Amino acid sequence: MKKIFAEMGLGNETFFSTEIEEDGGEYRVPKFIKPNKISDRYLRFWIGKRVFILSTRDGFKISKRDRNKLKLVFGIAGDL
């Protein structure tokens, strides 16, 4: 089954983008594709190597990444 993460905001290549995960790989398309069944809504703020995530499924989380970025995106996740 395909997992889909549709995002809008600043920091990705385009204002609207969608990341699709399937068969152990992932790719990003430069448009907003709404999932058929929404399982999560999230706000992600990425500054430097720290990522702050506020999610309806997981609550509030802070994580570290290897690369420096500046992002502010709102997204919905689900299945396609």
PDB file of N, CA and C in Angstrom:
ATOM      1  N   MET A   1       0.840  -1.181   0.000  1.00  0.00           N
ATOM      2  CA  MET A   1       0.000   0.000   0.000  1.00  0.00           C
ATOM      3  C   MET A   1       0.887   1.246   0.000  1.00  0.00           C
ATOM      4  N   LYS A   2       0.460   2.246  -0.707  1.00  0.00           N
ATOM      5  CA  LYS A   2       1.214   3.492  -0.801  1.00  0.00           C
ATOM      6  C   LYS A   2       0.870   4.411   0.365  1.00  0.00           C
ATOM      7  N   LYS A   3       1.899   4.923   1.020  1.00  0.00           N
ATOM      8  CA  LYS A   3       1.722   5.965   2.043  1.00  0.00           C
ATOM      9  C   LYS A   3       1.978   7.297   1.356  1.00  0.00           C
ATOM     10  N   ILE A   4       1.204   8.308   1.725  1.00  0.00           N
ATOM     11  CA  ILE A   4       1.311   9.597   1.062  1.00  0.00           C
ATOM     12  C   ILE A   4       1.387  10.708   2.106  1.00  0.00           C
ATOM     13  N   PHE A   5       2.266  11.671   1.869  1.00  0.00           N
ATOM     14  CA  PHE A   5       2.447  12.815   2.752  1.00  0.00           C
ATOM     15  C   PHE A   5       2.325  14.071   1.889  1.00  0.00           C
ATOM     16  N   ALA A   6       1.174  14.715   1.929  1.00  0.00           N
ATOM     17  CA  ALA A   6       0.933  15.917   1.135  1.00  0.00           C
ATOM     18  C   ALA A   6       1.230  17.130   2.012  1.00  0.00           C
ATOM     19  N   GLU A   7       2.098  18.027   1.520  1.00  0.00           N
ATOM     20  CA  GLU A   7       2.555  19.166   2.331  1.00  0.00           C
ATOM     21  C   GLU A   7       2.409  20.475   1.576  1.00  0.00           C
ATOM     22  N   MET A   8       2.192  21.529   2.349  1.00  0.00           N
ATOM     23  CA  MET A   8       2.243  22.876   1.801  1.00  0.00           C
ATOM     24  C   MET A   8       3.009  23.740   2.779  1.00  0.00           C
ATOM     25  N   GLY A   9       3.882  24.579   2.233  1.00  0.00           N
ATOM     26  CA  GLY A   9       4.663  25.443   3.091  1.00  0.00           C
ATOM     27  C   GLY A   9       5.993  25.803   2.468  1.00  0.00           C
ATOM     28  N   LEU A  10       6.842  26.388   3.264  1.00  0.00           N
ATOM     29  CA  LEU A  10       8.135  26.873   2.802  1.00  0.00           C
ATOM     30  C   LEU A  10       9.242  25.913   3.201  1.00  0.00           C
ATOM     31  N   GLY A  11      10.193  25.685   2.289  1.00  0.00           N
ATOM     32  CA  GLY A  11      11.333  24.841   2.586  1.00  0.00           C
ATOM     33  C   GLY A  11      11.498  23.678   1.636  1.00  0.00           C
ATOM     34  N   ASN A  12      10.426  23.217   1.029  1.00  0.00           N
ATOM     35  CA  ASN A  12      10.535  22.202  -0.014  1.00  0.00           C
ATOM     36  C   ASN A  12      10.812  22.907  -1.340  1.00  0.00           C
ATOM     37  N   GLU A  13      11.031  22.130  -2.398  1.00  0.00           N
ATOM     38  CA  GLU A  13      11.319  22.733  -3.693  1.00  0.00           C
ATOM     39  C   GLU A  13      10.156  23.591  -4.190  1.00  0.00           C
ATOM     40  N   THR A  14       8.923  23.152  -3.926  1.00  0.00           N
ATOM     41  CA  THR A  14       7.730  23.894  -4.327  1.00  0.00           C
ATOM     42  C   THR A  14       6.841  24.108  -3.103  1.00  0.00           C
ATOM     43  N   PHE A  15       5.919  25.085  -3.189  1.00  0.00           N
ATOM     44  CA  PHE A  15       5.045  25.388  -2.059  1.00  0.00           C
ATOM     45  C   PHE A  15       4.124  24.198  -1.749  1.00  0.00           C
ATOM     46  N   PHE A  16       3.600  23.546  -2.793  1.00  0.00           N
ATOM     47  CA  PHE A  16       2.796  22.324  -2.631  1.00  0.00           C
ATOM     48  C   PHE A  16       3.629  21.152  -3.120  1.00  0.00           C
ATOM     49  N   SER A  17       3.740  20.104  -2.312  1.00  0.00           N
ATOM     50  CA  SER A  17       4.457  18.910  -2.744  1.00  0.00           C
ATOM     51  C   SER A  17       3.904  17.693  -2.025  1.00  0.00           C
ATOM     52  N   THR A  18       4.138  16.539  -2.611  1.00  0.00           N
ATOM     53  CA  THR A  18       3.650  15.289  -2.051  1.00  0.00           C
ATOM     54  C   THR A  18       4.765  14.254  -2.103  1.00  0.00           C
ATOM     55  N   GLU A  19       4.991  13.595  -0.969  1.00  0.00           N
ATOM     56  CA  GLU A  19       5.963  12.504  -0.906  1.00  0.00           C
ATOM     57  C   GLU A  19       5.180  11.201  -0.874  1.00  0.00           C
ATOM     58  N   ILE A  20       5.547  10.284  -1.757  1.00  0.00           N
ATOM     59  CA  ILE A  20       4.867   8.993  -1.849  1.00  0.00           C
ATOM     60  C   ILE A  20       5.870   7.909  -1.504  1.00  0.00           C
ATOM     61  N   GLU A  21       5.501   7.036  -0.546  1.00  0.00           N
ATOM     62  CA  GLU A  21       6.346   5.918  -0.138  1.00  0.00           C
ATOM     63  C   GLU A  21       5.690   4.631  -0.591  1.00  0.00           C
ATOM     64  N   GLU A  22       6.463   3.796  -1.309  1.00  0.00           N
ATOM     65  CA  GLU A  22       5.965   2.486  -1.730  1.00  0.00           C
ATOM     66  C   GLU A  22       7.120   1.533  -1.962  1.00  0.00           C
ATOM     67  N   ASP A  23       6.940   0.288  -1.608  1.00  0.00           N
ATOM     68  CA  ASP A  23       7.929  -0.769  -1.830  1.00  0.00           C
ATOM     69  C   ASP A  23       9.323  -0.407  -1.318  1.00  0.00           C
ATOM     70  N   GLY A  24       9.409   0.191  -0.159  1.00  0.00           N
ATOM     71  CA  GLY A  24      10.689   0.518   0.451  1.00  0.00           C
ATOM     72  C   GLY A  24      11.379   1.750  -0.112  1.00  0.00           C
ATOM     73  N   GLY A  25      10.794   2.399  -1.105  1.00  0.00           N
ATOM     74  CA  GLY A  25      11.375   3.606  -1.685  1.00  0.00           C
ATOM     75  C   GLY A  25      10.418   4.778  -1.546  1.00  0.00           C
ATOM     76  N   GLU A  26      10.921   5.945  -1.879  1.00  0.00           N
ATOM     77  CA  GLU A  26      10.077   7.132  -1.800  1.00  0.00           C
ATOM     78  C   GLU A  26      10.465   8.113  -2.896  1.00  0.00           C
ATOM     79  N   TYR A  27       9.486   8.921  -3.291  1.00  0.00           N
ATOM     80  CA  TYR A  27       9.734   9.973  -4.272  1.00  0.00           C
ATOM     81  C   TYR A  27       8.791  11.133  -4.003  1.00  0.00           C
ATOM     82  N   ARG A  28       9.151  12.298  -4.508  1.00  0.00           N
ATOM     83  CA  ARG A  28       8.386  13.522  -4.272  1.00  0.00           C
ATOM     84  C   ARG A  28       7.904  14.072  -5.610  1.00  0.00           C
ATOM     85  N   VAL A  29       6.636  14.498  -5.635  1.00  0.00           N
ATOM     86  CA  VAL A  29       6.067  15.125  -6.824  1.00  0.00           C
ATOM     87  C   VAL A  29       5.686  16.566  -6.481  1.00  0.00           C
ATOM     88  N   PRO A  30       5.836  17.493  -7.430  1.00  0.00           N
ATOM     89  CA  PRO A  30       5.613  18.919  -7.126  1.00  0.00           C
ATOM     90  C   PRO A  30       4.155  19.353  -7.233  1.00  0.00           C
ATOM     91  N   LYS A  31       3.245  18.598  -6.610  1.00  0.00           N
ATOM     92  CA  LYS A  31       1.836  18.993  -6.551  1.00  0.00           C
ATOM     93  C   LYS A  31       1.217  18.380  -5.310  1.00  0.00           C
ATOM     94  N   PHE A  32       0.033  18.848  -4.953  1.00  0.00           N
ATOM     95  CA  PHE A  32      -0.662  18.399  -3.753  1.00  0.00           C
ATOM     96  C   PHE A  32      -1.627  17.285  -4.143  1.00  0.00           C
ATOM     97  N   ILE A  33      -1.371  16.070  -3.646  1.00  0.00           N
ATOM     98  CA  ILE A  33      -2.246  14.928  -3.896  1.00  0.00           C
ATOM     99  C   ILE A  33      -2.869  14.534  -2.566  1.00  0.00           C
ATOM    100  N   LYS A  34      -4.169  14.676  -2.458  1.00  0.00           N
ATOM    101  CA  LYS A  34      -4.871  14.378  -1.212  1.00  0.00           C
ATOM    102  C   LYS A  34      -4.989  12.862  -1.017  1.00  0.00           C
ATOM    103  N   PRO A  35      -4.640  12.361   0.160  1.00  0.00           N
ATOM    104  CA  PRO A  35      -4.785  10.922   0.431  1.00  0.00           C
ATOM    105  C   PRO A  35      -6.256  10.514   0.430  1.00  0.00           C
ATOM    106  N   ASN A  36      -6.522   9.263   0.069  1.00  0.00           N
ATOM    107  CA  ASN A  36      -7.894   8.748   0.103  1.00  0.00           C
ATOM    108  C   ASN A  36      -8.404   8.638   1.542  1.00  0.00           C
ATOM    109  N   LYS A  37      -7.537   8.174   2.439  1.00  0.00           N
ATOM    110  CA  LYS A  37      -7.886   8.041   3.857  1.00  0.00           C
ATOM    111  C   LYS A  37      -6.834   8.782   4.671  1.00  0.00           C
ATOM    112  N   ILE A  38      -7.223   9.883   5.329  1.00  0.00           N
ATOM    113  CA  ILE A  38      -6.285  10.695   6.111  1.00  0.00           C
ATOM    114  C   ILE A  38      -6.114  10.083   7.496  1.00  0.00           C
ATOM    115  N   SER A  39      -4.857   9.834   7.876  1.00  0.00           N
ATOM    116  CA  SER A  39      -4.588   9.245   9.187  1.00  0.00           C
ATOM    117  C   SER A  39      -3.858  10.201  10.126  1.00  0.00           C
ATOM    118  N   ASP A  40      -3.360  11.329   9.607  1.00  0.00           N
ATOM    119  CA  ASP A  40      -2.590  12.249  10.444  1.00  0.00           C
ATOM    120  C   ASP A  40      -2.563  13.631   9.815  1.00  0.00           C
ATOM    121  N   ARG A  41      -2.531  14.639  10.654  1.00  0.00           N
ATOM    122  CA  ARG A  41      -2.294  16.030  10.251  1.00  0.00           C
ATOM    123  C   ARG A  41      -1.124  16.509  11.096  1.00  0.00           C
ATOM    124  N   TYR A  42      -0.202  17.254  10.475  1.00  0.00           N
ATOM    125  CA  TYR A  42       0.983  17.644  11.226  1.00  0.00           C
ATOM    126  C   TYR A  42       1.487  19.012  10.789  1.00  0.00           C
ATOM    127  N   LEU A  43       2.187  19.640  11.711  1.00  0.00           N
ATOM    128  CA  LEU A  43       2.898  20.892  11.469  1.00  0.00           C
ATOM    129  C   LEU A  43       4.355  20.611  11.788  1.00  0.00           C
ATOM    130  N   ARG A  44       5.234  20.852  10.813  1.00  0.00           N
ATOM    131  CA  ARG A  44       6.656  20.546  10.982  1.00  0.00           C
ATOM    132  C   ARG A  44       7.464  21.832  10.834  1.00  0.00           C
ATOM    133  N   PHE A  45       8.270  22.115  11.847  1.00  0.00           N
ATOM    134  CA  PHE A  45       9.159  23.277  11.831  1.00  0.00           C
ATOM    135  C   PHE A  45      10.575  22.758  11.947  1.00  0.00           C
ATOM    136  N   TRP A  46      11.355  22.965  10.919  1.00  0.00           N
ATOM    137  CA  TRP A  46      12.715  22.443  10.828  1.00  0.00           C
ATOM    138  C   TRP A  46      13.660  23.627  10.829  1.00  0.00           C
ATOM    139  N   ILE A  47      14.503  23.724  11.859  1.00  0.00           N
ATOM    140  CA  ILE A  47      15.492  24.799  11.933  1.00  0.00           C
ATOM    141  C   ILE A  47      16.843  24.175  12.269  1.00  0.00           C
ATOM    142  N   GLY A  48      17.798  24.383  11.372  1.00  0.00           N
ATOM    143  CA  GLY A  48      19.101  23.748  11.552  1.00  0.00           C
ATOM    144  C   GLY A  48      18.978  22.246  11.439  1.00  0.00           C
ATOM    145  N   LYS A  49      19.463  21.537  12.437  1.00  0.00           N
ATOM    146  CA  LYS A  49      19.384  20.080  12.446  1.00  0.00           C
ATOM    147  C   LYS A  49      18.264  19.554  13.339  1.00  0.00           C
ATOM    148  N   ARG A  50      17.478  20.441  13.917  1.00  0.00           N
ATOM    149  CA  ARG A  50      16.374  20.045  14.793  1.00  0.00           C
ATOM    150  C   ARG A  50      15.045  20.185  14.053  1.00  0.00           C
ATOM    151  N   VAL A  51      14.167  19.204  14.272  1.00  0.00           N
ATOM    152  CA  VAL A  51      12.842  19.205  13.667  1.00  0.00           C
ATOM    153  C   VAL A  51      11.811  19.118  14.795  1.00  0.00           C
ATOM    154  N   PHE A  52      10.907  20.090  14.826  1.00  0.00           N
ATOM    155  CA  PHE A  52       9.821  20.129  15.805  1.00  0.00           C
ATOM    156  C   PHE A  52       8.541  19.740  15.075  1.00  0.00           C
ATOM    157  N   ILE A  53       7.855  18.704  15.567  1.00  0.00           N
ATOM    158  CA  ILE A  53       6.675  18.183  14.895  1.00  0.00           C
ATOM    159  C   ILE A  53       5.510  18.167  15.878  1.00  0.00           C
ATOM    160  N   LEU A  54       4.407  18.779  15.460  1.00  0.00           N
ATOM    161  CA  LEU A  54       3.150  18.719  16.208  1.00  0.00           C
ATOM    162  C   LEU A  54       2.176  17.933  15.351  1.00  0.00           C
ATOM    163  N   SER A  55       1.747  16.758  15.843  1.00  0.00           N
ATOM    164  CA  SER A  55       0.983  15.814  15.049  1.00  0.00           C
ATOM    165  C   SER A  55      -0.281  15.390  15.775  1.00  0.00           C
ATOM    166  N   THR A  56      -1.360  15.153  15.016  1.00  0.00           N
ATOM    167  CA  THR A  56      -2.590  14.654  15.635  1.00  0.00           C
ATOM    168  C   THR A  56      -2.445  13.194  16.044  1.00  0.00           C
ATOM    169  N   ARG A  57      -1.546  12.453  15.417  1.00  0.00           N
ATOM    170  CA  ARG A  57      -1.354  11.041  15.749  1.00  0.00           C
ATOM    171  C   ARG A  57      -0.330  10.840  16.857  1.00  0.00           C
ATOM    172  N   ASP A  58       0.804  11.570  16.811  1.00  0.00           N
ATOM    173  CA  ASP A  58       1.905  11.330  17.741  1.00  0.00           C
ATOM    174  C   ASP A  58       2.118  12.429  18.775  1.00  0.00           C
ATOM    175  N   GLY A  59       1.352  13.508  18.722  1.00  0.00           N
ATOM    176  CA  GLY A  59       1.556  14.604  19.661  1.00  0.00           C
ATOM    177  C   GLY A  59       2.757  15.446  19.267  1.00  0.00           C
ATOM    178  N   PHE A  60       3.517  15.904  20.257  1.00  0.00           N
ATOM    179  CA  PHE A  60       4.678  16.765  20.005  1.00  0.00           C
ATOM    180  C   PHE A  60       5.957  15.950  20.079  1.00  0.00           C
ATOM    181  N   LYS A  61       6.820  16.087  19.070  1.00  0.00           N
ATOM    182  CA  LYS A  61       8.103  15.381  19.050  1.00  0.00           C
ATOM    183  C   LYS A  61       9.196  16.332  18.580  1.00  0.00           C
ATOM    184  N   ILE A  62      10.407  16.086  19.043  1.00  0.00           N
ATOM    185  CA  ILE A  62      11.597  16.789  18.569  1.00  0.00           C
ATOM    186  C   ILE A  62      12.580  15.717  18.108  1.00  0.00           C
ATOM    187  N   SER A  63      13.129  15.914  16.908  1.00  0.00           N
ATOM    188  CA  SER A  63      14.116  14.958  16.421  1.00  0.00           C
ATOM    189  C   SER A  63      15.294  15.696  15.800  1.00  0.00           C
ATOM    190  N   LYS A  64      16.386  14.969  15.591  1.00  0.00           N
ATOM    191  CA  LYS A  64      17.592  15.530  14.971  1.00  0.00           C
ATOM    192  C   LYS A  64      17.796  14.883  13.620  1.00  0.00           C
ATOM    193  N   ARG A  65      18.302  15.680  12.671  1.00  0.00           N
ATOM    194  CA  ARG A  65      18.627  15.199  11.326  1.00  0.00           C
ATOM    195  C   ARG A  65      20.090  15.480  11.028  1.00  0.00           C
ATOM    196  N   ASP A  66      20.594  14.909   9.972  1.00  0.00           N
ATOM    197  CA  ASP A  66      21.998  15.078   9.595  1.00  0.00           C
ATOM    198  C   ASP A  66      22.264  16.374   8.835  1.00  0.00           C
ATOM    199  N   ARG A  67      21.263  16.913   8.165  1.00  0.00           N
ATOM    200  CA  ARG A  67      21.494  18.096   7.332  1.00  0.00           C
ATOM    201  C   ARG A  67      20.798  19.325   7.899  1.00  0.00           C
ATOM    202  N   ASN A  68      21.340  20.490   7.587  1.00  0.00           N
ATOM    203  CA  ASN A  68      20.758  21.759   8.021  1.00  0.00           C
ATOM    204  C   ASN A  68      19.681  22.190   7.044  1.00  0.00           C
ATOM    205  N   LYS A  69      18.522  22.588   7.560  1.00  0.00           N
ATOM    206  CA  LYS A  69      17.411  23.060   6.737  1.00  0.00           C
ATOM    207  C   LYS A  69      16.659  24.137   7.493  1.00  0.00           C
ATOM    208  N   LEU A  70      15.853  24.868   6.763  1.00  0.00           N
ATOM    209  CA  LEU A  70      14.884  25.784   7.349  1.00  0.00           C
ATOM    210  C   LEU A  70      13.577  25.529   6.623  1.00  0.00           C
ATOM    211  N   LYS A  71      12.593  24.965   7.346  1.00  0.00           N
ATOM    212  CA  LYS A  71      11.313  24.589   6.750  1.00  0.00           C
ATOM    213  C   LYS A  71      10.185  24.907   7.721  1.00  0.00           C
ATOM    214  N   LEU A  72       9.049  25.241   7.152  1.00  0.00           N
ATOM    215  CA  LEU A  72       7.802  25.348   7.901  1.00  0.00           C
ATOM    216  C   LEU A  72       6.720  24.802   6.994  1.00  0.00           C
ATOM    217  N   VAL A  73       6.203  23.607   7.305  1.00  0.00           N
ATOM    218  CA  VAL A  73       5.208  22.972   6.454  1.00  0.00           C
ATOM    219  C   VAL A  73       4.044  22.431   7.283  1.00  0.00           C
ATOM    220  N   PHE A  74       2.869  22.464   6.666  1.00  0.00           N
ATOM    221  CA  PHE A  74       1.681  21.797   7.187  1.00  0.00           C
ATOM    222  C   PHE A  74       1.414  20.634   6.260  1.00  0.00           C
ATOM    223  N   GLY A  75       1.105  19.482   6.830  1.00  0.00           N
ATOM    224  CA  GLY A  75       0.895  18.308   5.985  1.00  0.00           C
ATOM    225  C   GLY A  75      -0.207  17.404   6.481  1.00  0.00           C
ATOM    226  N   ILE A  76      -0.668  16.563   5.560  1.00  0.00           N
ATOM    227  CA  ILE A  76      -1.605  15.494   5.890  1.00  0.00           C
ATOM    228  C   ILE A  76      -1.001  14.195   5.391  1.00  0.00           C
ATOM    229  N   ALA A  77      -1.207  13.132   6.151  1.00  0.00           N
ATOM    230  CA  ALA A  77      -0.656  11.825   5.802  1.00  0.00           C
ATOM    231  C   ALA A  77      -1.782  10.825   5.729  1.00  0.00           C
ATOM    232  N   GLY A  78      -1.587   9.826   4.897  1.00  0.00           N
ATOM    233  CA  GLY A  78      -2.595   8.777   4.770  1.00  0.00           C
ATOM    234  C   GLY A  78      -2.210   7.769   3.714  1.00  0.00           C
ATOM    235  N   ASP A  79      -3.215   7.042   3.233  1.00  0.00           N
ATOM    236  CA  ASP A  79      -3.011   6.000   2.234  1.00  0.00           C
ATOM    237  C   ASP A  79      -3.623   6.443   0.913  1.00  0.00           C
ATOM    238  N   LEU A  80      -3.007   5.982  -0.161  1.00  0.00           N
ATOM    239  CA  LEU A  80      -3.493   6.314  -1.497  1.00  0.00           C
ATOM    240  C   LEU A  80      -4.173   5.115  -2.090  1.00  0.00           C
TER     241      LEU A  80
END
